[in-house]
Amino acid sequence: MTRFTLNGAEIALDLPDHATLLQALRGPLGLSSPRFGCGAEQCGSCMVLLDGTPAYACALGLDAVAGRKVVTVEGLGSATAPHPLQAAFLAEQAGQCGYCLSGMLISAAALLAANPDPDEEAIRAALEPHLCRCGSHNRIIRAIRRAAQEMAQ
């Protein structure tokens, strides 16, 4: 039995030893924001916050999160009360296909928690682990800057 906190709620799961966090999130826990992309910690689509730090859920054993705090995009905000990043990504139309956006939102949330006023270089560095082929990078950077400004007010 693995116990951890997910988006503020206490969770207890009894899954096989080889289960990954991503399998647990998308399977029995029914979350859709962390996605399976490569399975090798190379694309960032599975990113979650683990004790406030971005982590790849695709290769992270479920046992590694025992006693820890996990946050997914579902835990950042809701449809009625979105996180400033979620609102800014919508306002800037920062995604096209959207496959990478959950991971980017997670990394951006960690960045803004550590650095409330990042410059473009810091934003690009935080997004470096994410693969995106849509060509919306400039809008993503604008959205993160916009969210930082909103959060500063």
C-alpha atoms as a PDB file:
ATOM      1  CA  MET A   1       0.000   0.000   0.000  1.00  0.00           C
ATOM      2  CA  THR A   2       1.438   3.349  -1.056  1.00  0.00           C
ATOM      3  CA  ARG A   3       0.177   6.483   0.678  1.00  0.00           C
ATOM      4  CA  PHE A   4       0.773  10.006  -0.582  1.00  0.00           C
ATOM      5  CA  THR A   5      -0.968  13.352  -1.006  1.00  0.00           C
ATOM      6  CA  LEU A   6      -2.384  14.095  -4.435  1.00  0.00           C
ATOM      7  CA  ASN A   7      -3.672  17.593  -5.147  1.00  0.00           C
ATOM      8  CA  GLY A   8      -4.318  18.068  -1.428  1.00  0.00           C
ATOM      9  CA  ALA A   9      -6.113  14.752  -0.835  1.00  0.00           C
ATOM     10  CA  GLU A  10      -4.682  11.741   0.985  1.00  0.00           C
ATOM     11  CA  ILE A  11      -4.378   8.735  -1.337  1.00  0.00           C
ATOM     12  CA  ALA A  12      -3.750   5.061  -0.592  1.00  0.00           C
ATOM     13  CA  LEU A  13      -3.124   2.700  -3.511  1.00  0.00           C
ATOM     14  CA  ASP A  14      -2.292  -0.969  -3.635  1.00  0.00           C
ATOM     15  CA  LEU A  15      -0.684  -1.527  -7.033  1.00  0.00           C
ATOM     16  CA  PRO A  16       2.048  -3.899  -8.242  1.00  0.00           C
ATOM     17  CA  ASP A  17       5.635  -3.046  -7.290  1.00  0.00           C
ATOM     18  CA  HIS A  18       6.526  -2.141 -10.874  1.00  0.00           C
ATOM     19  CA  ALA A  19       3.700   0.435 -11.226  1.00  0.00           C
ATOM     20  CA  THR A  20       4.739   3.965 -12.100  1.00  0.00           C
ATOM     21  CA  LEU A  21       3.207   7.128 -10.769  1.00  0.00           C
ATOM     22  CA  LEU A  22       1.900   7.900 -14.259  1.00  0.00           C
ATOM     23  CA  GLN A  23       0.126   4.539 -14.443  1.00  0.00           C
ATOM     24  CA  ALA A  24      -1.518   5.237 -11.084  1.00  0.00           C
ATOM     25  CA  LEU A  25      -2.539   8.787 -12.021  1.00  0.00           C
ATOM     26  CA  ARG A  26      -4.052   7.886 -15.386  1.00  0.00           C
ATOM     27  CA  GLY A  27      -5.414   4.497 -14.285  1.00  0.00           C
ATOM     28  CA  PRO A  28      -7.157   4.070 -10.934  1.00  0.00           C
ATOM     29  CA  LEU A  29      -6.964   7.775 -10.054  1.00  0.00           C
ATOM     30  CA  GLY A  30      -8.558   8.821 -13.363  1.00  0.00           C
ATOM     31  CA  LEU A  31      -6.518  11.971 -14.046  1.00  0.00           C
ATOM     32  CA  SER A  32      -5.868  13.027 -17.614  1.00  0.00           C
ATOM     33  CA  SER A  33      -3.410  15.919 -17.406  1.00  0.00           C
ATOM     34  CA  PRO A  34      -0.169  13.948 -17.030  1.00  0.00           C
ATOM     35  CA  ARG A  35       0.284  12.223 -20.366  1.00  0.00           C
ATOM     36  CA  PHE A  36       2.379   9.348 -21.631  1.00  0.00           C
ATOM     37  CA  GLY A  37       4.731  10.599 -24.295  1.00  0.00           C
ATOM     38  CA  CYS A  38       8.033   8.785 -24.465  1.00  0.00           C
ATOM     39  CA  GLY A  39       8.252   6.769 -21.246  1.00  0.00           C
ATOM     40  CA  ALA A  40      11.934   7.690 -20.973  1.00  0.00           C
ATOM     41  CA  GLU A  41      11.971  11.112 -19.253  1.00  0.00           C
ATOM     42  CA  GLN A  42      12.689  12.839 -22.550  1.00  0.00           C
ATOM     43  CA  CYS A  43       9.544  14.784 -23.504  1.00  0.00           C
ATOM     44  CA  GLY A  44       8.029  16.266 -20.328  1.00  0.00           C
ATOM     45  CA  SER A  45       4.396  15.478 -21.094  1.00  0.00           C
ATOM     46  CA  CYS A  46       4.112  13.422 -17.878  1.00  0.00           C
ATOM     47  CA  MET A  47       5.485  16.093 -15.520  1.00  0.00           C
ATOM     48  CA  VAL A  48       4.006  16.526 -12.054  1.00  0.00           C
ATOM     49  CA  LEU A  49       5.142  18.505  -9.048  1.00  0.00           C
ATOM     50  CA  LEU A  50       6.712  16.244  -6.448  1.00  0.00           C
ATOM     51  CA  ASP A  51       7.130  18.201  -3.224  1.00  0.00           C
ATOM     52  CA  GLY A  52       7.116  21.350  -5.360  1.00  0.00           C
ATOM     53  CA  THR A  53       9.720  20.175  -7.888  1.00  0.00           C
ATOM     54  CA  PRO A  54       8.926  19.054 -11.435  1.00  0.00           C
ATOM     55  CA  ALA A  55       9.296  15.277 -11.801  1.00  0.00           C
ATOM     56  CA  TYR A  56       8.747  12.798 -14.614  1.00  0.00           C
ATOM     57  CA  ALA A  57       5.844  10.546 -13.620  1.00  0.00           C
ATOM     58  CA  CYS A  58       6.436   8.086 -16.485  1.00  0.00           C
ATOM     59  CA  ALA A  59       9.521   6.484 -14.969  1.00  0.00           C
ATOM     60  CA  LEU A  60       8.954   7.260 -11.292  1.00  0.00           C
ATOM     61  CA  GLY A  61       7.991   4.201  -9.306  1.00  0.00           C
ATOM     62  CA  LEU A  62       4.850   4.636  -7.259  1.00  0.00           C
ATOM     63  CA  ASP A  63       6.785   3.633  -4.143  1.00  0.00           C
ATOM     64  CA  ALA A  64       9.022   6.714  -4.624  1.00  0.00           C
ATOM     65  CA  VAL A  65       6.113   9.047  -3.804  1.00  0.00           C
ATOM     66  CA  ALA A  66       5.207   7.408  -0.479  1.00  0.00           C
ATOM     67  CA  GLY A  67       4.648  10.124   2.108  1.00  0.00           C
ATOM     68  CA  ARG A  68       5.184  12.904  -0.419  1.00  0.00           C
ATOM     69  CA  LYS A  69       3.034  15.577  -2.090  1.00  0.00           C
ATOM     70  CA  VAL A  70       2.127  15.230  -5.769  1.00  0.00           C
ATOM     71  CA  VAL A  71       0.401  17.991  -7.729  1.00  0.00           C
ATOM     72  CA  THR A  72      -0.943  17.660 -11.262  1.00  0.00           C
ATOM     73  CA  VAL A  73      -2.521  20.342 -13.436  1.00  0.00           C
ATOM     74  CA  GLU A  74      -5.855  19.346 -11.905  1.00  0.00           C
ATOM     75  CA  GLY A  75      -4.400  20.490  -8.565  1.00  0.00           C
ATOM     76  CA  LEU A  76      -3.232  23.876  -9.849  1.00  0.00           C
ATOM     77  CA  GLY A  77      -6.715  25.236 -10.443  1.00  0.00           C
ATOM     78  CA  SER A  78     -10.172  24.407 -11.694  1.00  0.00           C
ATOM     79  CA  ALA A  79     -12.475  25.488 -14.484  1.00  0.00           C
ATOM     80  CA  THR A  80     -14.190  27.925 -12.117  1.00  0.00           C
ATOM     81  CA  ALA A  81     -11.010  29.063 -10.341  1.00  0.00           C
ATOM     82  CA  PRO A  82      -8.091  28.593 -12.717  1.00  0.00           C
ATOM     83  CA  HIS A  83      -4.502  29.125 -11.660  1.00  0.00           C
ATOM     84  CA  PRO A  84      -3.125  32.365 -13.184  1.00  0.00           C
ATOM     85  CA  LEU A  85      -0.976  30.215 -15.482  1.00  0.00           C
ATOM     86  CA  GLN A  86      -3.993  28.356 -16.786  1.00  0.00           C
ATOM     87  CA  ALA A  87      -5.843  31.629 -17.394  1.00  0.00           C
ATOM     88  CA  ALA A  88      -2.805  33.179 -19.097  1.00  0.00           C
ATOM     89  CA  PHE A  89      -2.271  30.164 -21.378  1.00  0.00           C
ATOM     90  CA  LEU A  90      -5.892  30.502 -22.487  1.00  0.00           C
ATOM     91  CA  ALA A  91      -5.681  34.275 -22.912  1.00  0.00           C
ATOM     92  CA  GLU A  92      -2.493  34.010 -24.979  1.00  0.00           C
ATOM     93  CA  GLN A  93      -3.785  30.989 -26.924  1.00  0.00           C
ATOM     94  CA  ALA A  94      -0.511  29.353 -25.949  1.00  0.00           C
ATOM     95  CA  GLY A  95      -1.260  25.867 -27.183  1.00  0.00           C
ATOM     96  CA  GLN A  96      -2.202  24.152 -30.349  1.00  0.00           C
ATOM     97  CA  CYS A  97      -2.420  20.383 -29.994  1.00  0.00           C
ATOM     98  CA  GLY A  98      -2.019  20.698 -26.212  1.00  0.00           C
ATOM     99  CA  TYR A  99      -0.174  17.435 -25.642  1.00  0.00           C
ATOM    100  CA  CYS A 100       2.823  19.127 -24.012  1.00  0.00           C
ATOM    101  CA  LEU A 101       0.928  21.857 -22.166  1.00  0.00           C
ATOM    102  CA  SER A 102       0.258  20.009 -18.919  1.00  0.00           C
ATOM    103  CA  GLY A 103       3.951  19.391 -18.416  1.00  0.00           C
ATOM    104  CA  MET A 104       4.788  22.959 -19.361  1.00  0.00           C
ATOM    105  CA  LEU A 105       2.214  24.294 -16.896  1.00  0.00           C
ATOM    106  CA  ILE A 106       3.772  22.168 -14.152  1.00  0.00           C
ATOM    107  CA  SER A 107       7.302  23.400 -14.900  1.00  0.00           C
ATOM    108  CA  ALA A 108       6.074  26.995 -15.176  1.00  0.00           C
ATOM    109  CA  ALA A 109       4.278  26.709 -11.816  1.00  0.00           C
ATOM    110  CA  ALA A 110       7.492  25.487 -10.178  1.00  0.00           C
ATOM    111  CA  LEU A 111       9.434  28.305 -11.828  1.00  0.00           C
ATOM    112  CA  LEU A 112       7.018  30.999 -10.643  1.00  0.00           C
ATOM    113  CA  ALA A 113       7.008  29.572  -7.119  1.00  0.00           C
ATOM    114  CA  ALA A 114      10.800  29.861  -7.020  1.00  0.00           C
ATOM    115  CA  ASN A 115      11.154  33.033  -9.104  1.00  0.00           C
ATOM    116  CA  PRO A 116       8.064  35.275  -9.222  1.00  0.00           C
ATOM    117  CA  ASP A 117       9.570  37.517 -11.931  1.00  0.00           C
ATOM    118  CA  PRO A 118      11.537  35.328 -14.341  1.00  0.00           C
ATOM    119  CA  ASP A 119      13.131  36.774 -17.439  1.00  0.00           C
ATOM    120  CA  GLU A 120      12.847  35.075 -20.819  1.00  0.00           C
ATOM    121  CA  GLU A 121      16.099  33.168 -20.291  1.00  0.00           C
ATOM    122  CA  ALA A 122      14.825  31.666 -17.026  1.00  0.00           C
ATOM    123  CA  ILE A 123      11.528  30.701 -18.656  1.00  0.00           C
ATOM    124  CA  ARG A 124      13.310  29.035 -21.565  1.00  0.00           C
ATOM    125  CA  ALA A 125      15.561  27.151 -19.134  1.00  0.00           C
ATOM    126  CA  ALA A 126      12.547  25.904 -17.154  1.00  0.00           C
ATOM    127  CA  LEU A 127      10.877  24.706 -20.361  1.00  0.00           C
ATOM    128  CA  GLU A 128      14.017  23.068 -21.768  1.00  0.00           C
ATOM    129  CA  PRO A 129      12.956  19.503 -20.813  1.00  0.00           C
ATOM    130  CA  HIS A 130       9.725  19.791 -22.809  1.00  0.00           C
ATOM    131  CA  LEU A 131       9.301  18.728 -26.401  1.00  0.00           C
ATOM    132  CA  CYS A 132       6.782  20.751 -28.384  1.00  0.00           C
ATOM    133  CA  ARG A 133       6.391  20.606 -32.133  1.00  0.00           C
ATOM    134  CA  CYS A 134       3.498  23.036 -32.512  1.00  0.00           C
ATOM    135  CA  GLY A 135       5.503  26.215 -32.855  1.00  0.00           C
ATOM    136  CA  SER A 136       3.675  28.094 -30.110  1.00  0.00           C
ATOM    137  CA  HIS A 137       6.777  28.765 -28.020  1.00  0.00           C
ATOM    138  CA  ASN A 138       6.538  32.564 -28.173  1.00  0.00           C
ATOM    139  CA  ARG A 139       2.940  32.467 -26.958  1.00  0.00           C
ATOM    140  CA  ILE A 140       3.898  30.080 -24.155  1.00  0.00           C
ATOM    141  CA  ILE A 141       6.625  32.455 -22.984  1.00  0.00           C
ATOM    142  CA  ARG A 142       4.191  35.395 -23.166  1.00  0.00           C
ATOM    143  CA  ALA A 143       1.660  33.411 -21.135  1.00  0.00           C
ATOM    144  CA  ILE A 144       4.179  32.683 -18.386  1.00  0.00           C
ATOM    145  CA  ARG A 145       5.221  36.352 -18.244  1.00  0.00           C
ATOM    146  CA  ARG A 146       1.548  37.331 -18.144  1.00  0.00           C
ATOM    147  CA  ALA A 147       0.870  34.923 -15.269  1.00  0.00           C
ATOM    148  CA  ALA A 148       3.891  36.268 -13.369  1.00  0.00           C
ATOM    149  CA  GLN A 149       2.518  39.801 -13.731  1.00  0.00           C
ATOM    150  CA  GLU A 150      -0.969  38.696 -12.621  1.00  0.00           C
ATOM    151  CA  MET A 151       0.444  36.872  -9.610  1.00  0.00           C
ATOM    152  CA  ALA A 152       2.521  39.916  -8.609  1.00  0.00           C
ATOM    153  CA  GLN A 153      -0.600  42.077  -8.282  1.00  0.00           C
END
